[in-house]
Amino acid sequence: MKAIVCTRYGDPLEVLQLKEVDKPVPTEGRVLVRVHAASVNKADLAPVRGAIVARLLGTGLLKPKRAILGDDLAGTVEAVGKDVTRFKPGDEVFGDAPGAFAEYASASQDLLVSKPANVSFEEAAAVPIAAISALQGLRKAHIQAGQKVLVNGASGGVGTFALQIAKSFDTQVTAVCSSGNLENARAMGADHVVDYTKEDFSRNGQRYDLILAANGDQPLRAYSRALTPQGTCIVAGGSLTQIFQSLILGRWYSKSGGQTIAFMGIAELNQEDLAFLKELLENCKIKPWIDRRYPLGETARAVRYLEEGHATGKVVINVK
C-alpha cells in the first residue's frame, strides 16, 4: 500500500515521502480500515519538525518513533481482528488510528464509530481530534445553557467546532477571528463576532461566563478582564507562552478571586465522545469547516500549509 513516511526530522516538504509499505494486519480488538480521507492536526507538526518538547514527550529523540503519521480518518472497514464485535467488513466508520496518512490503517475498535450517512468521508475525517478537543474544553469549563461564551481563535480547527458545539448547548456565542473569517463565523452560528485586528475583546466592556482560548497569544490578565466575576477560561491552544502561563499562573488567578483560568490539557480520545459528536453531526448541530483538500501524495504541502497558521477550519487529505 501507499503511505506517507517520515524517517527523519525536518522541513515537511523534504522529510515526508510517499512510499510503498506493508499493509497492516488487524490484530485482536483492532480493525483494518481502508482510508478514504484523513485530516491534519497541529499534533502532526511536532513529530515532523522534531520540536524539543515533542521529542522529550516521546516522539523520538533522534528520529520519529512512528514513521507513518496522521490520526484522524474516515473510511470503510476492510477486515477485523479477533474479538472485534462492533464492526464488520463494509461498515463506514470514522475515528482515530495511528498511521492515518496511508491507504490502510489499523484502528482499535474502541476509537471508531459509524459514519453518519449525511456527512462525507472528508467531513467525518475532519472531526475527531479537533472536535473532541473543543468538546472536552467546553465540558471542563462546565458549559451550561444560557451562558455567554467567547471563543478566541474561532476560525481554526478547534475553534470552528467549539463555536458550533457551544451553540448546541443553547449558549450565546461570540467568535473572535480576523476580518476575512467574520462571515464564516456568522454562518456557523455565532451570535456576535469580534475582529481582533480592529478590536480588543478584553477592553470592549463585554463580560463572558465562559471563554475557550483555542488560539492566540493573549495574556491571562486579558482573559481575566473579559470574564464575569465567577467566569471560567479554559486555554485549549495558542502560543507556548500562553499555555505555560495558564499552567503556572492559572492557579493564582483562580485562587485570587471567583474566576477560574486553567489549561485544558491533552484531549483524551474515546468512543463515548466520538458517539456524542456523531449525534451532533446527524442532527446537523455541527458541520466540519474544510479549508483545503490535498491528495495523499501532497500531504507534505498540507502539513506545511497548516504549519503556516493561515488555515480556516480543517485541512483534509483525500486518500481514495
Protein backbone atom coordinates (compact mmCIF):
# COMPACT_ATOMS: atom_id res chain seq x y z
CA MET A 1 0.00 0.00 0.00
CA LYS A 2 0.99 3.65 -0.32
CA ALA A 3 1.70 5.71 2.78
CA ILE A 4 3.33 8.99 3.80
CA VAL A 5 6.54 8.06 5.60
CA CYS A 6 8.71 10.27 7.83
CA THR A 7 12.08 8.78 8.88
CA ARG A 8 13.87 11.97 9.95
CA TYR A 9 13.03 15.39 11.33
CA GLY A 10 12.99 18.48 9.15
CA ASP A 11 11.01 20.52 6.65
CA PRO A 12 7.76 18.71 5.74
CA LEU A 13 8.47 19.19 2.04
CA GLU A 14 11.78 17.35 2.47
CA VAL A 15 11.06 14.61 5.02
CA LEU A 16 7.51 13.48 4.18
CA GLN A 17 7.64 10.98 1.32
CA LEU A 18 5.07 8.81 -0.43
CA LYS A 19 6.30 5.20 -0.31
CA GLU A 20 5.14 1.61 -0.68
CA VAL A 21 4.89 -0.15 2.70
CA ASP A 22 3.31 -3.32 4.04
CA LYS A 23 -0.42 -3.24 4.68
CA PRO A 24 -1.24 -3.56 8.42
CA VAL A 25 -2.78 -6.78 9.69
CA PRO A 26 -5.61 -6.28 12.21
CA THR A 27 -4.73 -7.94 15.50
CA GLU A 28 -7.01 -8.70 18.45
CA GLY A 29 -9.54 -5.95 19.05
CA ARG A 30 -8.42 -3.97 16.01
CA VAL A 31 -9.96 -3.09 12.68
CA LEU A 32 -8.29 -2.63 9.30
CA VAL A 33 -9.73 0.50 7.69
CA ARG A 34 -9.44 1.36 4.03
CA VAL A 35 -8.84 5.09 4.40
CA HIS A 36 -10.95 7.39 2.24
CA ALA A 37 -9.88 10.63 3.93
CA ALA A 38 -7.67 11.82 6.77
CA SER A 39 -7.12 15.24 8.33
CA VAL A 40 -4.09 17.14 9.54
CA ASN A 41 -3.81 18.42 13.13
CA LYS A 42 -1.30 20.61 14.90
CA ALA A 43 -0.26 17.47 16.77
CA ASP A 44 1.15 16.22 13.46
CA LEU A 45 3.55 19.15 13.18
CA ALA A 46 5.88 18.43 16.10
CA PRO A 47 6.70 14.84 15.01
CA VAL A 48 7.74 16.23 11.62
CA ARG A 49 9.85 19.16 12.79
CA GLY A 50 11.21 17.35 15.84
CA ALA A 51 10.42 20.05 18.40
CA ILE A 52 12.45 19.51 21.58
CA VAL A 53 9.35 19.33 23.77
CA ALA A 54 7.81 16.73 21.45
CA ARG A 55 10.99 14.63 21.48
CA LEU A 56 11.06 14.65 25.27
CA LEU A 57 7.39 13.66 25.33
CA GLY A 58 8.05 10.56 23.26
CA THR A 59 8.08 11.25 19.52
CA GLY A 60 11.68 10.02 19.37
CA LEU A 61 14.93 11.68 20.39
CA LEU A 62 16.89 11.30 17.15
CA LYS A 63 14.21 10.40 14.62
CA PRO A 64 10.42 9.90 14.58
CA LYS A 65 9.41 6.84 16.57
CA ARG A 66 6.35 6.41 14.34
CA ALA A 67 7.20 6.55 10.64
CA ILE A 68 3.63 6.91 9.33
CA LEU A 69 1.91 9.96 10.78
CA GLY A 70 -1.73 11.01 10.97
CA ASP A 71 -4.53 10.01 13.35
CA ASP A 72 -7.90 11.33 12.16
CA LEU A 73 -9.53 9.22 9.47
CA ALA A 74 -12.73 8.08 7.83
CA GLY A 75 -13.11 5.04 5.64
CA THR A 76 -14.51 1.56 5.15
CA VAL A 77 -13.78 -1.48 7.29
CA GLU A 78 -11.69 -3.89 5.20
CA ALA A 79 -11.13 -6.64 7.79
CA VAL A 80 -11.43 -7.23 11.53
CA GLY A 81 -9.21 -8.91 14.06
CA LYS A 82 -10.10 -11.42 16.73
CA ASP A 83 -12.79 -10.42 19.26
CA VAL A 84 -13.98 -7.43 17.21
CA THR A 85 -17.74 -7.25 17.78
CA ARG A 86 -18.66 -3.67 16.91
CA PHE A 87 -17.81 -3.63 13.21
CA LYS A 88 -17.76 -5.85 10.15
CA PRO A 89 -16.22 -5.51 6.68
CA GLY A 90 -18.02 -2.90 4.62
CA ASP A 91 -19.00 -0.66 7.55
CA GLU A 92 -18.34 3.06 7.06
CA VAL A 93 -16.51 4.48 10.08
CA PHE A 94 -14.57 7.47 11.37
CA GLY A 95 -12.31 7.98 14.34
CA ASP A 96 -8.67 7.70 15.34
CA ALA A 97 -5.92 5.42 14.09
CA PRO A 98 -2.14 5.89 14.18
CA GLY A 99 -0.79 5.97 10.65
CA ALA A 100 -3.85 7.55 9.01
CA PHE A 101 -1.81 9.14 6.19
CA ALA A 102 -1.98 5.89 4.24
CA GLU A 103 -4.28 3.77 2.09
CA TYR A 104 -4.95 1.45 5.04
CA ALA A 105 -4.68 1.88 8.81
CA SER A 106 -5.19 -0.35 11.84
CA ALA A 107 -7.52 1.12 14.47
CA SER A 108 -8.79 -0.01 17.84
CA GLN A 109 -12.49 -0.80 17.64
CA ASP A 110 -12.86 1.39 20.74
CA LEU A 111 -11.73 4.51 18.83
CA LEU A 112 -14.13 4.21 15.91
CA VAL A 113 -17.82 4.94 15.41
CA SER A 114 -20.13 4.57 12.43
CA LYS A 115 -20.04 7.42 9.93
CA PRO A 116 -23.36 9.27 9.68
CA ALA A 117 -24.98 8.96 6.27
CA ASN A 118 -25.47 12.72 5.97
CA VAL A 119 -21.75 13.61 6.04
CA SER A 120 -19.00 12.84 3.55
CA PHE A 121 -15.83 10.89 4.33
CA GLU A 122 -13.92 14.19 4.12
CA GLU A 123 -16.20 15.83 6.68
CA ALA A 124 -16.07 12.84 9.02
CA ALA A 125 -12.27 12.71 8.85
CA ALA A 126 -12.12 16.36 9.92
CA VAL A 127 -13.90 15.69 13.21
CA PRO A 128 -12.06 13.51 15.78
CA ILE A 129 -9.15 15.35 17.45
CA ALA A 130 -10.29 18.93 16.84
CA ALA A 131 -13.92 18.38 17.81
CA ILE A 132 -13.09 16.26 20.85
CA SER A 133 -10.63 18.94 22.00
CA ALA A 134 -13.37 21.56 21.69
CA LEU A 135 -15.94 19.38 23.43
CA GLN A 136 -13.70 18.45 26.34
CA GLY A 137 -12.54 22.05 26.77
CA LEU A 138 -16.12 23.28 27.00
CA ARG A 139 -17.03 20.49 29.41
CA LYS A 140 -14.05 21.31 31.62
CA ALA A 141 -15.46 24.83 31.85
CA HIS A 142 -18.84 23.34 32.87
CA ILE A 143 -20.75 24.82 29.96
CA GLN A 144 -24.45 25.44 30.63
CA ALA A 145 -27.41 26.70 28.65
CA GLY A 146 -27.89 30.45 28.73
CA GLN A 147 -24.24 31.32 29.30
CA LYS A 148 -22.36 33.97 27.37
CA VAL A 149 -19.44 32.17 25.70
CA LEU A 150 -16.45 33.64 23.87
CA VAL A 151 -14.29 31.54 21.54
CA ASN A 152 -10.92 33.12 20.83
CA GLY A 153 -9.48 31.63 17.64
CA ALA A 154 -12.91 30.74 16.28
CA SER A 155 -11.65 30.20 12.72
CA GLY A 156 -9.20 27.36 13.41
CA GLY A 157 -9.82 23.63 13.56
CA VAL A 158 -10.69 23.52 17.28
CA GLY A 159 -12.31 26.95 17.24
CA THR A 160 -14.82 26.21 14.47
CA PHE A 161 -16.01 23.15 16.37
CA ALA A 162 -16.03 24.98 19.72
CA LEU A 163 -18.28 27.68 18.28
CA GLN A 164 -20.80 25.16 16.95
CA ILE A 165 -20.71 22.81 19.95
CA ALA A 166 -21.23 25.75 22.32
CA LYS A 167 -24.28 26.76 20.27
CA SER A 168 -25.63 23.21 20.61
CA PHE A 169 -25.70 23.79 24.38
CA ASP A 170 -28.04 26.79 23.83
CA THR A 171 -25.48 29.42 24.75
CA GLN A 172 -24.86 32.89 23.31
CA VAL A 173 -21.56 32.71 21.43
CA THR A 174 -19.13 35.46 20.49
CA ALA A 175 -16.47 34.48 17.95
CA VAL A 176 -13.09 36.22 17.84
CA CYS A 177 -11.33 35.98 14.48
CA SER A 178 -9.82 38.07 11.68
CA SER A 179 -11.72 40.24 9.20
CA GLY A 180 -11.70 37.57 6.50
CA ASN A 181 -13.35 34.99 8.73
CA LEU A 182 -16.20 37.01 10.24
CA GLU A 183 -18.80 35.83 7.72
CA ASN A 184 -17.72 32.21 8.18
CA ALA A 185 -18.21 32.57 11.93
CA ARG A 186 -21.68 34.02 11.41
CA ALA A 187 -22.51 31.18 9.02
CA MET A 188 -21.51 28.69 11.73
CA GLY A 189 -23.98 30.29 14.14
CA ALA A 190 -22.02 32.93 16.07
CA ASP A 191 -24.36 35.43 17.71
CA HIS A 192 -21.66 38.10 17.78
CA VAL A 193 -18.26 38.47 16.12
CA VAL A 194 -15.15 40.41 17.09
CA ASP A 195 -12.47 41.30 14.55
CA TYR A 196 -9.27 41.04 16.57
CA THR A 197 -7.40 43.19 14.04
CA LYS A 198 -9.67 46.12 14.92
CA GLU A 199 -10.95 45.47 18.43
CA ASP A 200 -9.66 44.09 21.74
CA PHE A 201 -12.36 41.81 23.13
CA SER A 202 -10.96 42.23 26.63
CA ARG A 203 -11.46 46.03 26.58
CA ASN A 204 -14.83 46.49 24.89
CA GLY A 205 -16.84 46.26 28.11
CA GLN A 206 -18.35 42.83 27.43
CA ARG A 207 -18.05 40.06 30.02
CA TYR A 208 -18.38 36.33 29.49
CA ASP A 209 -19.28 33.37 31.68
CA LEU A 210 -17.00 31.07 29.68
CA ILE A 211 -14.02 31.69 27.44
CA LEU A 212 -12.41 28.97 25.34
CA ALA A 213 -8.97 30.11 24.19
CA ALA A 214 -8.45 27.95 21.12
CA ASN A 215 -5.76 30.18 19.66
CA GLY A 216 -3.96 33.48 20.03
CA ASP A 217 -1.38 34.85 22.41
CA GLN A 218 -3.48 36.88 24.82
CA PRO A 219 -2.03 37.21 28.35
CA LEU A 220 -4.10 35.73 31.16
CA ARG A 221 -4.92 39.18 32.51
CA ALA A 222 -6.79 39.91 29.26
CA TYR A 223 -8.96 36.84 29.74
CA SER A 224 -9.50 37.79 33.37
CA ARG A 225 -10.74 41.23 32.32
CA ALA A 226 -13.22 39.67 29.93
CA LEU A 227 -14.63 37.15 32.41
CA THR A 228 -17.55 37.67 34.76
CA PRO A 229 -16.59 37.54 38.48
CA GLN A 230 -17.36 33.80 38.57
CA GLY A 231 -16.39 33.07 34.97
CA THR A 232 -14.13 30.31 33.63
CA CYS A 233 -11.45 30.45 30.94
CA ILE A 234 -10.00 27.24 29.50
CA VAL A 235 -6.82 27.53 27.45
CA ALA A 236 -7.02 24.83 24.78
CA GLY A 237 -4.33 26.15 22.44
CA GLY A 238 -2.31 29.17 21.44
CA SER A 239 1.32 30.09 21.90
CA LEU A 240 3.63 28.13 24.22
CA THR A 241 3.89 31.27 26.37
CA GLN A 242 0.14 31.36 26.80
CA ILE A 243 -0.01 27.66 27.66
CA PHE A 244 2.80 27.92 30.22
CA GLN A 245 1.14 30.98 31.76
CA SER A 246 -2.09 29.05 32.18
CA LEU A 247 -0.20 26.17 33.81
CA ILE A 248 1.85 28.34 36.17
CA LEU A 249 -0.27 31.43 36.79
CA GLY A 250 -3.73 29.96 36.24
CA ARG A 251 -3.93 28.71 39.82
CA TRP A 252 -3.03 32.14 41.16
CA TYR A 253 -5.76 33.81 39.11
CA SER A 254 -8.21 31.13 40.22
CA LYS A 255 -7.35 31.50 43.93
CA SER A 256 -7.28 35.28 43.98
CA GLY A 257 -10.96 35.63 43.09
CA GLY A 258 -14.01 33.79 41.92
CA GLN A 259 -12.70 33.29 38.41
CA THR A 260 -11.12 30.08 37.11
CA ILE A 261 -8.37 30.05 34.48
CA ALA A 262 -6.80 26.71 33.57
CA PHE A 263 -5.04 24.80 30.81
CA MET A 264 -7.23 22.16 29.25
CA GLY A 265 -4.52 19.52 28.95
CA ILE A 266 -4.28 16.93 26.19
CA ALA A 267 -7.56 15.76 24.70
CA GLU A 268 -8.41 12.16 25.52
CA LEU A 269 -9.86 10.36 22.52
CA ASN A 270 -12.63 7.95 23.43
CA GLN A 271 -15.59 6.26 21.79
CA GLU A 272 -18.17 7.93 24.04
CA ASP A 273 -17.23 11.42 22.88
CA LEU A 274 -16.98 10.28 19.26
CA ALA A 275 -20.53 8.92 19.57
CA PHE A 276 -21.68 12.26 21.04
CA LEU A 277 -20.14 14.10 18.08
CA LYS A 278 -21.70 11.60 15.67
CA GLU A 279 -25.11 12.52 17.09
CA LEU A 280 -24.39 16.23 16.62
CA LEU A 281 -23.40 15.53 13.01
CA GLU A 282 -26.56 13.51 12.39
CA ASN A 283 -28.71 16.29 13.84
CA CYS A 284 -26.86 18.97 11.83
CA LYS A 285 -25.73 20.69 15.04
CA ILE A 286 -22.15 20.78 13.79
CA LYS A 287 -20.72 20.85 10.28
CA PRO A 288 -16.97 20.43 9.70
CA TRP A 289 -15.50 23.51 8.08
CA ILE A 290 -12.93 22.35 5.50
CA ASP A 291 -10.41 24.89 4.26
CA ARG A 292 -8.31 22.88 1.80
CA ARG A 293 -8.11 19.39 0.38
CA TYR A 294 -4.94 17.65 -0.81
CA PRO A 295 -4.35 14.22 -2.41
CA LEU A 296 -2.31 11.72 -0.38
CA GLY A 297 0.79 12.39 -2.46
CA GLU A 298 0.71 16.07 -1.47
CA THR A 299 0.44 15.53 2.28
CA ALA A 300 3.71 17.41 2.78
CA ARG A 301 2.12 20.52 1.27
CA ALA A 302 -0.92 20.08 3.52
CA VAL A 303 1.26 19.88 6.63
CA ARG A 304 3.26 22.93 5.52
CA TYR A 305 0.04 24.89 4.91
CA LEU A 306 -1.27 24.12 8.40
CA GLU A 307 2.13 24.99 9.83
CA GLU A 308 1.93 28.46 8.28
CA GLY A 309 -1.03 29.23 10.54
CA HIS A 310 -3.49 30.54 7.96
CA ALA A 311 -5.89 27.60 7.81
CA THR A 312 -9.58 28.33 8.36
CA GLY A 313 -11.12 25.19 9.77
CA LYS A 314 -9.62 21.84 8.80
CA VAL A 315 -7.12 20.62 6.20
CA VAL A 316 -8.10 17.26 4.71
CA ILE A 317 -6.16 14.56 2.85
CA ASN A 318 -8.07 12.66 0.16
CA VAL A 319 -6.71 9.13 0.12
CA LYS A 320 -9.15 7.15 -2.00
